[in-house]
C-alpha atoms as a PDB file:
ATOM      1  CA  MET A   1     -90.719  65.516-107.176  1.00  0.00           C
ATOM      2  CA  ASP A   2     -94.314  65.781-108.354  1.00  0.00           C
ATOM      3  CA  TYR A   3     -94.873  69.542-108.339  1.00  0.00           C
ATOM      4  CA  PHE A   4     -98.584  69.124-109.056  1.00  0.00           C
ATOM      5  CA  LEU A   5     -98.909  67.537-105.604  1.00  0.00           C
ATOM      6  CA  TRP A   6     -96.125  69.407-103.810  1.00  0.00           C
ATOM      7  CA  VAL A   7     -96.970  73.045-104.687  1.00  0.00           C
ATOM      8  CA  PRO A   8    -100.452  72.971-103.081  1.00  0.00           C
ATOM      9  CA  GLU A   9     -99.020  71.287 -99.976  1.00  0.00           C
ATOM     10  CA  ARG A  10     -96.277  73.910 -99.720  1.00  0.00           C
ATOM     11  CA  ILE A  11     -98.789  76.751-100.039  1.00  0.00           C
ATOM     12  CA  ALA A  12    -100.908  75.200 -97.272  1.00  0.00           C
ATOM     13  CA  GLN A  13     -97.824  74.712 -95.071  1.00  0.00           C
ATOM     14  CA  LEU A  14     -96.711  78.329 -95.447  1.00  0.00           C
ATOM     15  CA  ARG A  15    -100.249  79.656 -95.006  1.00  0.00           C
ATOM     16  CA  LEU A  16    -100.715  77.720 -91.761  1.00  0.00           C
ATOM     17  CA  GLN A  17     -97.335  78.974 -90.477  1.00  0.00           C
ATOM     18  CA  LYS A  18     -98.531  82.498 -91.175  1.00  0.00           C
ATOM     19  CA  GLY A  19    -101.725  81.736 -89.254  1.00  0.00           C
ATOM     20  CA  VAL A  20    -104.226  82.871 -91.861  1.00  0.00           C
ATOM     21  CA  SER A  21    -107.251  81.168 -93.345  1.00  0.00           C
ATOM     22  CA  ALA A  22    -107.413  80.235 -97.013  1.00  0.00           C
ATOM     23  CA  ARG A  23    -110.285  82.703 -97.399  1.00  0.00           C
ATOM     24  CA  ASP A  24    -108.358  85.613 -95.840  1.00  0.00           C
ATOM     25  CA  MET A  25    -105.301  84.867 -97.946  1.00  0.00           C
ATOM     26  CA  SER A  26    -107.412  84.689-101.108  1.00  0.00           C
ATOM     27  CA  LEU A  27    -109.012  88.052-100.393  1.00  0.00           C
ATOM     28  CA  SER A  28    -105.629  89.595 -99.502  1.00  0.00           C
ATOM     29  CA  LEU A  29    -104.389  88.519-102.927  1.00  0.00           C
ATOM     30  CA  GLY A  30    -107.385  90.226-104.559  1.00  0.00           C
ATOM     31  CA  GLN A  31    -108.933  86.931-105.636  1.00  0.00           C
ATOM     32  CA  SER A  32    -112.234  85.203-104.965  1.00  0.00           C
ATOM     33  CA  GLU A  33    -112.600  83.827-101.446  1.00  0.00           C
ATOM     34  CA  SER A  34    -112.165  80.231-102.704  1.00  0.00           C
ATOM     35  CA  TYR A  35    -108.971  80.859-104.746  1.00  0.00           C
ATOM     36  CA  ILE A  36    -106.437  79.397-102.285  1.00  0.00           C
ATOM     37  CA  ASN A  37    -108.801  76.612-101.234  1.00  0.00           C
ATOM     38  CA  LYS A  38    -109.043  75.482-104.858  1.00  0.00           C
ATOM     39  CA  ILE A  39    -105.259  75.547-105.274  1.00  0.00           C
ATOM     40  CA  GLU A  40    -104.715  73.594-102.044  1.00  0.00           C
ATOM     41  CA  ASN A  41    -107.247  71.019-103.239  1.00  0.00           C
ATOM     42  CA  ARG A  42    -105.312  70.625-106.498  1.00  0.00           C
ATOM     43  CA  ARG A  43    -107.903  72.162-108.744  1.00  0.00           C
ATOM     44  CA  PRO A  44    -105.931  74.608-110.825  1.00  0.00           C
ATOM     45  CA  LEU A  45    -102.358  75.418-109.907  1.00  0.00           C
ATOM     46  CA  PRO A  46    -101.737  79.174-109.785  1.00  0.00           C
ATOM     47  CA  SER A  47    -100.589  81.006-112.888  1.00  0.00           C
ATOM     48  CA  MET A  48     -97.010  82.283-112.906  1.00  0.00           C
ATOM     49  CA  ALA A  49     -98.253  85.763-111.944  1.00  0.00           C
ATOM     50  CA  GLY A  50    -100.427  84.222-109.225  1.00  0.00           C
ATOM     51  CA  PHE A  51     -97.463  82.223-107.924  1.00  0.00           C
ATOM     52  CA  LEU A  52     -95.318  85.360-107.728  1.00  0.00           C
ATOM     53  CA  TYR A  53     -98.072  87.175-105.796  1.00  0.00           C
ATOM     54  CA  ILE A  54     -98.312  84.212-103.420  1.00  0.00           C
ATOM     55  CA  CYS A  55     -94.544  84.373-102.781  1.00  0.00           C
ATOM     56  CA  GLU A  56     -94.801  88.111-102.211  1.00  0.00           C
ATOM     57  CA  TYR A  57     -97.682  87.530 -99.771  1.00  0.00           C
ATOM     58  CA  PHE A  58     -95.506  85.128 -97.763  1.00  0.00           C
ATOM     59  CA  GLY A  59     -92.527  87.500 -97.944  1.00  0.00           C
ATOM     60  CA  ILE A  60     -90.304  84.935 -99.655  1.00  0.00           C
ATOM     61  CA  THR A  61     -88.621  84.532-103.011  1.00  0.00           C
ATOM     62  CA  PRO A  62     -89.617  81.818-105.499  1.00  0.00           C
ATOM     63  CA  GLY A  63     -86.287  80.142-104.703  1.00  0.00           C
ATOM     64  CA  GLU A  64     -87.183  80.040-101.017  1.00  0.00           C
ATOM     65  CA  PHE A  65     -90.597  78.619-101.892  1.00  0.00           C
ATOM     66  CA  PHE A  66     -88.956  75.674-103.674  1.00  0.00           C
ATOM     67  CA  ASP A  67     -86.205  75.210-101.063  1.00  0.00           C
ATOM     68  CA  THR A  68     -87.214  71.842 -99.624  1.00  0.00           C
ATOM     69  CA  GLY A  69     -84.546  72.152 -96.932  1.00  0.00           C
ATOM     70  CA  SER A  70     -86.309  75.131 -95.352  1.00  0.00           C
ATOM     71  CA  ALA A  71     -89.578  74.294 -93.640  1.00  0.00           C
ATOM     72  CA  ALA A  72     -90.043  77.896 -92.498  1.00  0.00           C
ATOM     73  CA  PRO A  73     -88.424  80.279 -95.026  1.00  0.00           C
ATOM     74  CA  GLN A  74     -90.228  83.361 -93.742  1.00  0.00           C
ATOM     75  CA  GLN A  75     -88.999  82.816 -90.184  1.00  0.00           C
ATOM     76  CA  SER A  76     -85.494  82.087 -91.470  1.00  0.00           C
ATOM     77  CA  ARG A  77     -85.484  85.381 -93.358  1.00  0.00           C
ATOM     78  CA  GLU A  78     -86.730  87.263 -90.256  1.00  0.00           C
ATOM     79  CA  LEU A  79     -84.009  85.622 -88.200  1.00  0.00           C
ATOM     80  CA  LEU A  80     -81.313  86.650 -90.668  1.00  0.00           C
ATOM     81  CA  ARG A  81     -82.615  90.235 -90.666  1.00  0.00           C
ATOM     82  CA  ALA A  82     -82.511  90.318 -86.856  1.00  0.00           C
ATOM     83  CA  PHE A  83     -78.952  89.002 -86.749  1.00  0.00           C
ATOM     84  CA  ALA A  84     -77.806  91.367 -89.495  1.00  0.00           C
ATOM     85  CA  LYS A  85     -78.561  94.229 -87.116  1.00  0.00           C
ATOM     86  CA  LEU A  86     -76.177  92.878 -84.450  1.00  0.00           C
ATOM     87  CA  THR A  87     -72.576  94.051 -84.319  1.00  0.00           C
ATOM     88  CA  PRO A  88     -69.652  92.499 -82.424  1.00  0.00           C
ATOM     89  CA  THR A  89     -69.335  95.588 -80.223  1.00  0.00           C
ATOM     90  CA  GLN A  90     -73.050  96.127 -79.658  1.00  0.00           C
ATOM     91  CA  PRO A  91     -74.580  93.411 -77.502  1.00  0.00           C
ATOM     92  CA  TYR A  92     -77.490  95.773 -76.622  1.00  0.00           C
ATOM     93  CA  PRO A  93     -79.434  98.214 -78.789  1.00  0.00           C
ATOM     94  CA  PRO A  94     -78.370 101.876 -78.520  1.00  0.00           C
ATOM     95  CA  GLY A  95     -79.839 103.750 -75.580  1.00  0.00           C
ATOM     96  CA  GLY A  96     -81.309 100.673 -73.946  1.00  0.00           C
ATOM     97  CA  PRO A  97     -79.997  98.962 -70.832  1.00  0.00           C
ATOM     98  CA  GLY A  98     -80.391  95.207 -70.521  1.00  0.00           C
ATOM     99  CA  PRO A  99     -80.965  92.697 -73.256  1.00  0.00           C
ATOM    100  CA  GLY A 100     -83.398  94.970 -75.084  1.00  0.00           C
ATOM    101  CA  ARG A 101     -84.637  94.606 -78.625  1.00  0.00           C
ATOM    102  CA  ASN A 102     -82.156  91.967 -79.822  1.00  0.00           C
ATOM    103  CA  SER A 103     -83.033  89.485 -77.092  1.00  0.00           C
ATOM    104  CA  ARG A 104     -86.772  90.032 -77.508  1.00  0.00           C
ATOM    105  CA  ALA A 105     -86.509  89.363 -81.241  1.00  0.00           C
ATOM    106  CA  ALA A 106     -84.565  86.171 -80.584  1.00  0.00           C
ATOM    107  CA  GLU A 107     -87.054  85.043 -77.938  1.00  0.00           C
ATOM    108  CA  LYS A 108     -89.935  85.661 -80.360  1.00  0.00           C
ATOM    109  CA  ILE A 109     -88.198  83.568 -83.004  1.00  0.00           C
ATOM    110  CA  GLU A 110     -87.460  80.867 -80.433  1.00  0.00           C
ATOM    111  CA  LYS A 111     -91.146  80.719 -79.413  1.00  0.00           C
ATOM    112  CA  ASN A 112     -92.055  79.942 -83.028  1.00  0.00           C
ATOM    113  CA  GLY A 113     -90.286  76.625 -82.455  1.00  0.00           C
ATOM    114  CA  GLN A 114     -87.835  76.985 -85.304  1.00  0.00           C
ATOM    115  CA  PHE A 115     -84.632  77.718 -83.405  1.00  0.00           C
ATOM    116  CA  ARG A 116     -83.021  77.400 -79.998  1.00  0.00           C
ATOM    117  CA  VAL A 117     -81.316  80.502 -78.644  1.00  0.00           C
ATOM    118  CA  ASP A 118     -78.202  80.017 -76.524  1.00  0.00           C
ATOM    119  CA  LYS A 119     -77.485  82.850 -74.110  1.00  0.00           C
ATOM    120  CA  PRO A 120     -73.988  82.620 -72.599  1.00  0.00           C
ATOM    121  CA  SER A 121     -73.684  83.507 -68.916  1.00  0.00           C
ATOM    122  CA  HIS A 122     -70.727  85.882 -69.413  1.00  0.00           C
ATOM    123  CA  SER A 123     -71.305  89.626 -69.656  1.00  0.00           C
ATOM    124  CA  GLY A 124     -73.063  90.860 -72.738  1.00  0.00           C
ATOM    125  CA  TYR A 125     -75.840  89.236 -74.656  1.00  0.00           C
ATOM    126  CA  ASN A 126     -74.698  87.098 -77.534  1.00  0.00           C
ATOM    127  CA  ILE A 127     -77.218  85.139 -79.556  1.00  0.00           C
ATOM    128  CA  ARG A 128     -76.440  81.878 -81.288  1.00  0.00           C
ATOM    129  CA  CYS A 129     -79.239  79.991 -82.978  1.00  0.00           C
ATOM    130  CA  VAL A 130     -79.155  76.392 -84.043  1.00  0.00           C
ATOM    131  CA  PRO A 131     -81.968  74.603 -85.905  1.00  0.00           C
ATOM    132  CA  LYS A 132     -84.134  72.343 -83.797  1.00  0.00           C
ATOM    133  CA  THR A 133     -84.442  68.722 -84.778  1.00  0.00           C
ATOM    134  CA  ALA A 134     -87.734  67.248 -85.937  1.00  0.00           C
ATOM    135  CA  GLY A 135     -88.645  66.207 -82.393  1.00  0.00           C
ATOM    136  CA  GLY A 136     -88.256  69.775 -81.123  1.00  0.00           C
ATOM    137  CA  ALA A 137     -85.051  69.121 -79.197  1.00  0.00           C
ATOM    138  CA  SER A 138     -81.871  70.901 -80.114  1.00  0.00           C
ATOM    139  CA  PRO A 139     -78.951  68.830 -81.374  1.00  0.00           C
END
């Protein structure tokens, strides 16, 4: 893998998923407004400190940044956090009738186009996510 070409592409991919402009991201990182634009156009690569700040901005680890098998590491992490809050005996959040917070979180993740949420018809609200294929259809 040619990291000189791949790193700028990965930064652009993650930035677009986050829905921010290169200028806004640059300013959020405390840099000049053209900082990210220059990186994405392969003018200097970020320093190690700059790279770590970029990962922190995206809410991912450096390992997740370089994980080529994960097109959307930030959404994957959010999904895992949402599922970590579920328990086998708690299909609904405490004090709330109906699907509640857990189903809304899953529906939000599903709308991002990264996962399909299966909702069984039996009582309770169980969530099972499976990655979508490249064409958008579930396997």
